[in-house]
Amino acid sequence: MLTRERIQLKTPDQLRHMRRAGLVVADIHAALREAVRPGVTTAELDAVSADAIARGGAHSNFLGYYDYPATVCISVNDEVVHGIPGERVLEPGDLVTFDCGAYILDDAGTQWHGDAAFTTVVDGRYTSESDRLLDTTTRQALWDAIAAVARAAAGETAGRAARLNTVGDTVEATVAAVSEREGVHLGILQDYVGHGIGTAMHMAPDVLNYSVKHKGPKLRAGMVLAIEPMLTAGGPEVDELDDGWTVVTRDGSHAAQWEHTVALVPGGVWVLTAPDGGVEGLAPYGLEPKPLD
């Protein structure tokens, strides 16, 4: 069913299908975390992703999307998003983002999609405090935003209807607080944002990571959002390389991205691409996910 803003609202059964896709994405992430190490090529990691998708009985929603040639985007250091796997060999201290997804088919042949991303450091040791702050702040911004949406869905936003840019307001506030406390500058990408997701990977609405005057549509049960803050350790300006996909920071600063597919349900949220549904991520906020029975 669609609202006037053409935002797809899912039924409980449809959300269960999306949970199946989300768990496949979680399995891809687990396989990539285990496989990433110094000396591995990004092409070898794409093969790991493809194998996890096949084992999950799912299909890649990245491979072939507008002719994208792989099952996962692997972006290293100053590459922000859409890095194409290839012969690049990862080195200790590389800051690497994996962005990937999958879809499953229901009995009617309808696609139901999941999409998520994480950033990690190769060999487990940051080469700079800047990289550590960048990565941890991006992850914090994601969970701060998910918690804000969960509170809104639970009716804790007093006096006004919660709207979509709860996400952008929260991400911007998180980044500003860390920047002021740590005396650093972190850029928020504006050219690339989150999105609705369901029977297609990218759907209405756009989910901004920064505040705007127009606060967007009301948050409603049945919405599913891919929330994905993308930050840089410098300015937000980016360029696209000649391959037509890889986006890099213009100033050469490193970048990070964290993303989950989040369903709004009566009384809260269900993090469809987290294995535990969001239990660990929401616990610091005194919140629990609300899976369907």
Protein backbone atom coordinates (compact mmCIF):
# COMPACT_ATOMS: atom_id res chain seq x y z
CA MET A 1 0.00 0.00 0.00
CA LEU A 2 1.25 3.50 -0.82
CA THR A 3 0.77 6.83 0.91
CA ARG A 4 0.37 10.08 -0.99
CA GLU A 5 4.16 10.41 -0.81
CA ARG A 6 4.33 7.01 -2.52
CA ILE A 7 6.05 5.42 0.44
CA GLN A 8 5.48 1.69 0.53
CA LEU A 9 3.98 0.47 3.81
CA LYS A 10 4.55 -3.21 4.56
CA THR A 11 2.22 -5.72 6.15
CA PRO A 12 3.49 -7.96 8.96
CA ASP A 13 3.92 -10.87 6.55
CA GLN A 14 5.90 -8.68 4.17
CA LEU A 15 8.15 -7.56 7.01
CA ARG A 16 8.83 -11.20 7.81
CA HIS A 17 10.01 -11.70 4.23
CA MET A 18 12.25 -8.67 4.59
CA ARG A 19 13.64 -10.12 7.80
CA ARG A 20 14.68 -13.22 5.88
CA ALA A 21 16.55 -11.02 3.40
CA GLY A 22 18.03 -9.01 6.26
CA LEU A 23 19.42 -12.12 7.92
CA VAL A 24 21.13 -13.11 4.66
CA VAL A 25 22.76 -9.65 4.63
CA ALA A 26 23.86 -10.20 8.22
CA ASP A 27 25.44 -13.49 7.15
CA ILE A 28 27.30 -11.73 4.33
CA HIS A 29 28.67 -9.24 6.85
CA ALA A 30 29.77 -12.03 9.19
CA ALA A 31 31.56 -13.82 6.35
CA LEU A 32 33.31 -10.62 5.25
CA ARG A 33 34.42 -9.80 8.79
CA GLU A 34 35.98 -13.24 9.07
CA ALA A 35 37.67 -13.04 5.67
CA VAL A 36 39.09 -9.50 5.71
CA ARG A 37 42.82 -9.50 6.46
CA PRO A 38 46.09 -8.09 5.14
CA GLY A 39 46.98 -9.56 1.75
CA VAL A 40 43.45 -10.38 0.59
CA THR A 41 42.20 -8.73 -2.58
CA THR A 42 38.88 -6.97 -2.78
CA ALA A 43 37.91 -9.36 -5.62
CA GLU A 44 38.45 -12.31 -3.26
CA LEU A 45 36.15 -10.62 -0.74
CA ASP A 46 33.49 -10.19 -3.41
CA ALA A 47 33.66 -13.96 -3.92
CA VAL A 48 33.09 -14.41 -0.17
CA SER A 49 30.00 -12.21 -0.43
CA ALA A 50 28.68 -14.10 -3.45
CA ASP A 51 29.11 -17.43 -1.66
CA ALA A 52 27.23 -16.19 1.43
CA ILE A 53 24.34 -15.04 -0.75
CA ALA A 54 24.17 -18.41 -2.50
CA ARG A 55 24.29 -20.32 0.79
CA GLY A 56 21.40 -18.18 2.04
CA GLY A 57 19.24 -19.11 -0.94
CA ALA A 58 19.03 -15.44 -1.90
CA HIS A 59 19.99 -13.20 -4.80
CA SER A 60 22.36 -10.24 -4.99
CA ASN A 61 20.64 -6.89 -5.40
CA PHE A 62 23.96 -5.18 -6.18
CA LEU A 63 25.26 -7.39 -9.00
CA GLY A 64 23.95 -6.00 -12.28
CA TYR A 65 22.22 -3.02 -10.63
CA TYR A 66 22.69 -0.34 -13.29
CA ASP A 67 25.43 -2.70 -14.53
CA TYR A 68 27.34 -2.71 -11.24
CA PRO A 69 29.80 -5.63 -11.64
CA ALA A 70 29.95 -7.15 -8.14
CA THR A 71 27.87 -8.32 -5.17
CA VAL A 72 29.40 -5.86 -2.70
CA CYS A 73 30.77 -2.33 -2.78
CA ILE A 74 34.21 -2.23 -1.12
CA SER A 75 35.48 1.27 -0.43
CA VAL A 76 38.97 1.76 1.00
CA ASN A 77 40.30 4.80 2.89
CA ASP A 78 39.39 7.90 0.82
CA GLU A 79 36.84 5.93 -1.21
CA VAL A 80 33.47 6.87 0.22
CA VAL A 81 30.97 4.61 -1.52
CA HIS A 82 30.55 2.28 -4.52
CA GLY A 83 34.12 1.01 -4.66
CA ILE A 84 34.38 -1.80 -7.22
CA PRO A 85 36.15 -4.99 -6.05
CA GLY A 86 39.25 -5.88 -8.04
CA GLU A 87 42.94 -6.63 -7.66
CA ARG A 88 43.58 -4.16 -4.85
CA VAL A 89 45.39 -5.86 -1.96
CA LEU A 90 44.33 -4.75 1.50
CA GLU A 91 47.01 -3.61 3.91
CA PRO A 92 47.14 -3.36 7.72
CA GLY A 93 45.36 -0.23 8.90
CA ASP A 94 43.24 0.23 5.78
CA LEU A 95 39.81 1.60 6.66
CA VAL A 96 37.38 -0.46 4.60
CA THR A 97 33.64 -0.12 4.11
CA PHE A 98 31.53 -3.04 2.89
CA ASP A 99 28.10 -2.15 1.54
CA CYS A 100 25.99 -5.06 0.29
CA GLY A 101 22.52 -6.47 0.07
CA ALA A 102 20.35 -9.37 -0.97
CA TYR A 103 16.77 -10.14 -1.85
CA ILE A 104 14.59 -13.18 -1.43
CA LEU A 105 11.50 -14.19 -3.40
CA ASP A 106 8.15 -14.88 -1.77
CA ASP A 107 5.74 -17.53 -3.08
CA ALA A 108 4.34 -15.06 -5.61
CA GLY A 109 7.80 -14.24 -6.95
CA THR A 110 7.94 -10.77 -5.37
CA GLN A 111 11.37 -9.52 -4.39
CA TRP A 112 12.00 -8.42 -0.78
CA HIS A 113 15.26 -6.59 -0.18
CA GLY A 114 17.81 -6.03 2.58
CA ASP A 115 20.71 -3.57 2.55
CA ALA A 116 23.38 -2.80 5.14
CA ALA A 117 26.96 -1.55 5.46
CA PHE A 118 29.77 -1.52 7.98
CA THR A 119 33.28 -0.11 8.24
CA THR A 120 36.24 -1.99 9.69
CA VAL A 121 39.98 -1.56 10.01
CA VAL A 122 42.20 -4.23 8.49
CA ASP A 123 44.20 -6.13 11.12
CA GLY A 124 42.18 -4.48 13.88
CA ARG A 125 44.48 -1.51 14.52
CA TYR A 126 43.68 2.04 13.51
CA THR A 127 46.66 3.90 12.09
CA SER A 128 45.41 7.23 13.44
CA GLU A 129 43.11 8.70 16.05
CA SER A 130 41.33 10.39 13.16
CA ASP A 131 40.32 7.02 11.68
CA ARG A 132 39.13 5.75 15.05
CA LEU A 133 36.96 8.81 15.66
CA LEU A 134 35.60 8.71 12.14
CA ASP A 135 34.57 5.07 12.36
CA THR A 136 33.15 5.15 15.88
CA THR A 137 31.26 8.39 15.29
CA THR A 138 29.67 7.08 12.11
CA ARG A 139 28.49 3.95 13.91
CA GLN A 140 27.25 6.05 16.84
CA ALA A 141 25.35 8.32 14.46
CA LEU A 142 23.62 5.27 12.96
CA TRP A 143 22.47 3.93 16.31
CA ASP A 144 21.57 7.37 17.66
CA ALA A 145 19.32 7.78 14.61
CA ILE A 146 17.79 4.31 14.96
CA ALA A 147 17.08 5.00 18.64
CA ALA A 148 15.47 8.34 17.78
CA VAL A 149 13.22 6.63 15.25
CA ALA A 150 12.40 3.91 17.79
CA ARG A 151 11.38 6.48 20.39
CA ALA A 152 9.27 8.29 17.82
CA ALA A 153 7.59 5.04 16.80
CA ALA A 154 6.91 4.29 20.46
CA GLY A 155 5.12 7.63 20.84
CA GLU A 156 7.75 9.27 23.02
CA THR A 157 7.96 12.42 20.85
CA ALA A 158 5.67 14.67 22.85
CA GLY A 159 3.58 17.45 21.37
CA ARG A 160 4.20 16.86 17.65
CA ALA A 161 4.13 14.14 15.08
CA ALA A 162 7.58 12.68 14.47
CA ARG A 163 8.79 13.13 10.92
CA LEU A 164 11.40 11.55 8.73
CA ASN A 165 14.12 14.11 9.30
CA THR A 166 14.37 12.89 12.86
CA VAL A 167 17.17 10.88 11.22
CA GLY A 168 18.96 13.88 9.71
CA ASP A 169 18.54 16.00 12.83
CA THR A 170 19.98 13.22 14.98
CA VAL A 171 22.96 12.45 12.74
CA GLU A 172 23.86 16.13 12.48
CA ALA A 173 23.59 16.60 16.26
CA THR A 174 25.77 13.55 16.93
CA VAL A 175 28.47 14.69 14.51
CA ALA A 176 28.41 18.24 15.89
CA ALA A 177 28.74 17.02 19.49
CA VAL A 178 31.70 14.75 18.72
CA SER A 179 33.41 17.39 16.60
CA GLU A 180 33.12 19.97 19.37
CA ARG A 181 34.19 17.58 22.14
CA GLU A 182 37.18 16.18 20.24
CA GLY A 183 38.20 19.34 18.43
CA VAL A 184 37.96 17.70 15.00
CA HIS A 185 36.04 18.32 11.81
CA LEU A 186 33.85 15.59 10.38
CA GLY A 187 32.01 16.07 7.11
CA ILE A 188 28.53 14.69 6.40
CA LEU A 189 27.94 13.61 2.83
CA GLN A 190 24.97 15.34 1.26
CA ASP A 191 25.17 13.87 -2.25
CA TYR A 192 24.49 10.32 -1.00
CA VAL A 193 21.70 9.51 1.46
CA GLY A 194 19.61 6.69 2.86
CA HIS A 195 16.39 5.47 1.30
CA GLY A 196 13.21 3.50 1.58
CA ILE A 197 13.46 -0.19 0.77
CA GLY A 198 11.05 -3.05 0.16
CA THR A 199 10.12 -4.62 -3.17
CA ALA A 200 13.05 -2.67 -4.62
CA MET A 201 16.38 -1.77 -3.08
CA HIS A 202 15.93 1.98 -3.53
CA MET A 203 12.48 3.46 -2.98
CA ALA A 204 10.89 6.58 -1.56
CA PRO A 205 11.62 8.33 0.71
CA ASP A 206 15.12 9.77 0.68
CA VAL A 207 16.54 9.53 4.20
CA LEU A 208 18.81 12.53 4.71
CA ASN A 209 21.74 12.55 7.13
CA TYR A 210 21.53 16.29 7.81
CA SER A 211 18.91 18.78 8.96
CA VAL A 212 16.68 20.58 6.48
CA LYS A 213 13.79 22.99 6.89
CA HIS A 214 11.27 20.57 5.38
CA LYS A 215 11.03 17.76 7.87
CA GLY A 216 9.56 15.17 5.52
CA PRO A 217 6.65 12.75 5.89
CA LYS A 218 5.35 11.46 9.18
CA LEU A 219 6.94 8.31 10.51
CA ARG A 220 4.42 5.49 10.29
CA ALA A 221 4.31 1.79 11.14
CA GLY A 222 5.04 -0.24 8.03
CA MET A 223 7.75 2.05 6.74
CA VAL A 224 11.13 0.41 6.16
CA LEU A 225 14.16 2.69 5.97
CA ALA A 226 17.78 2.09 5.03
CA ILE A 227 19.48 4.47 7.47
CA GLU A 228 23.09 5.03 6.44
CA PRO A 229 25.20 7.93 7.70
CA MET A 230 28.33 8.53 5.63
CA LEU A 231 31.05 10.73 7.15
CA THR A 232 34.49 11.94 6.17
CA ALA A 233 37.43 13.05 8.29
CA GLY A 234 37.53 16.27 6.26
CA GLY A 235 35.20 18.06 3.91
CA PRO A 236 31.99 16.61 2.41
CA GLU A 237 32.96 17.31 -1.21
CA VAL A 238 33.39 14.20 -3.37
CA ASP A 239 34.23 13.19 -6.93
CA GLU A 240 33.28 10.17 -9.00
CA LEU A 241 36.13 8.28 -10.66
CA ASP A 242 36.26 7.39 -14.34
CA ASP A 243 34.92 3.89 -13.62
CA GLY A 244 31.51 5.54 -13.19
CA TRP A 245 31.02 4.16 -9.68
CA THR A 246 33.77 4.79 -7.14
CA VAL A 247 33.23 7.99 -5.15
CA VAL A 248 36.26 9.53 -3.40
CA THR A 249 36.72 12.49 -1.10
CA ARG A 250 38.01 15.54 -2.92
CA ASP A 251 40.46 16.41 -0.14
CA GLY A 252 41.80 12.85 0.25
CA SER A 253 40.37 12.40 3.74
CA HIS A 254 39.18 8.98 4.85
CA ALA A 255 35.50 8.03 4.94
CA ALA A 256 33.20 5.64 6.80
CA GLN A 257 29.66 4.33 6.36
CA TRP A 258 27.36 2.35 8.62
CA GLU A 259 23.89 1.19 7.56
CA HIS A 260 20.98 -0.96 8.67
CA THR A 261 17.56 -1.73 7.21
CA VAL A 262 15.07 -0.66 9.88
CA ALA A 263 11.35 -1.47 9.99
CA LEU A 264 8.95 0.78 11.87
CA VAL A 265 6.43 -1.38 13.74
CA PRO A 266 3.77 -0.61 16.34
CA GLY A 267 5.61 0.50 19.46
CA GLY A 268 9.12 0.74 18.05
CA VAL A 269 11.49 -0.63 15.42
CA TRP A 270 12.87 -3.94 14.23
CA VAL A 271 16.41 -3.80 12.81
CA LEU A 272 16.00 -6.29 10.00
CA THR A 273 19.70 -6.61 9.09
CA ALA A 274 20.97 -7.06 12.66
CA PRO A 275 21.15 -10.75 13.71
CA ASP A 276 19.61 -9.90 17.09
CA GLY A 277 17.09 -7.46 15.63
CA GLY A 278 18.86 -4.54 17.30
CA VAL A 279 19.05 -5.78 20.90
CA GLU A 280 22.73 -4.90 21.42
CA GLY A 281 22.63 -1.65 19.49
CA LEU A 282 19.55 -0.28 21.25
CA ALA A 283 20.41 -1.45 24.78
CA PRO A 284 22.52 1.65 25.64
CA TYR A 285 19.43 3.78 24.98
CA GLY A 286 17.19 1.74 27.27
CA LEU A 287 15.26 0.43 24.26
CA GLU A 288 14.41 -2.98 22.89
CA PRO A 289 13.50 -3.94 19.32
CA LYS A 290 9.90 -4.90 18.59
CA PRO A 291 9.90 -7.99 16.35
CA LEU A 292 6.61 -9.30 15.07
CA ASP A 293 5.24 -12.49 16.64
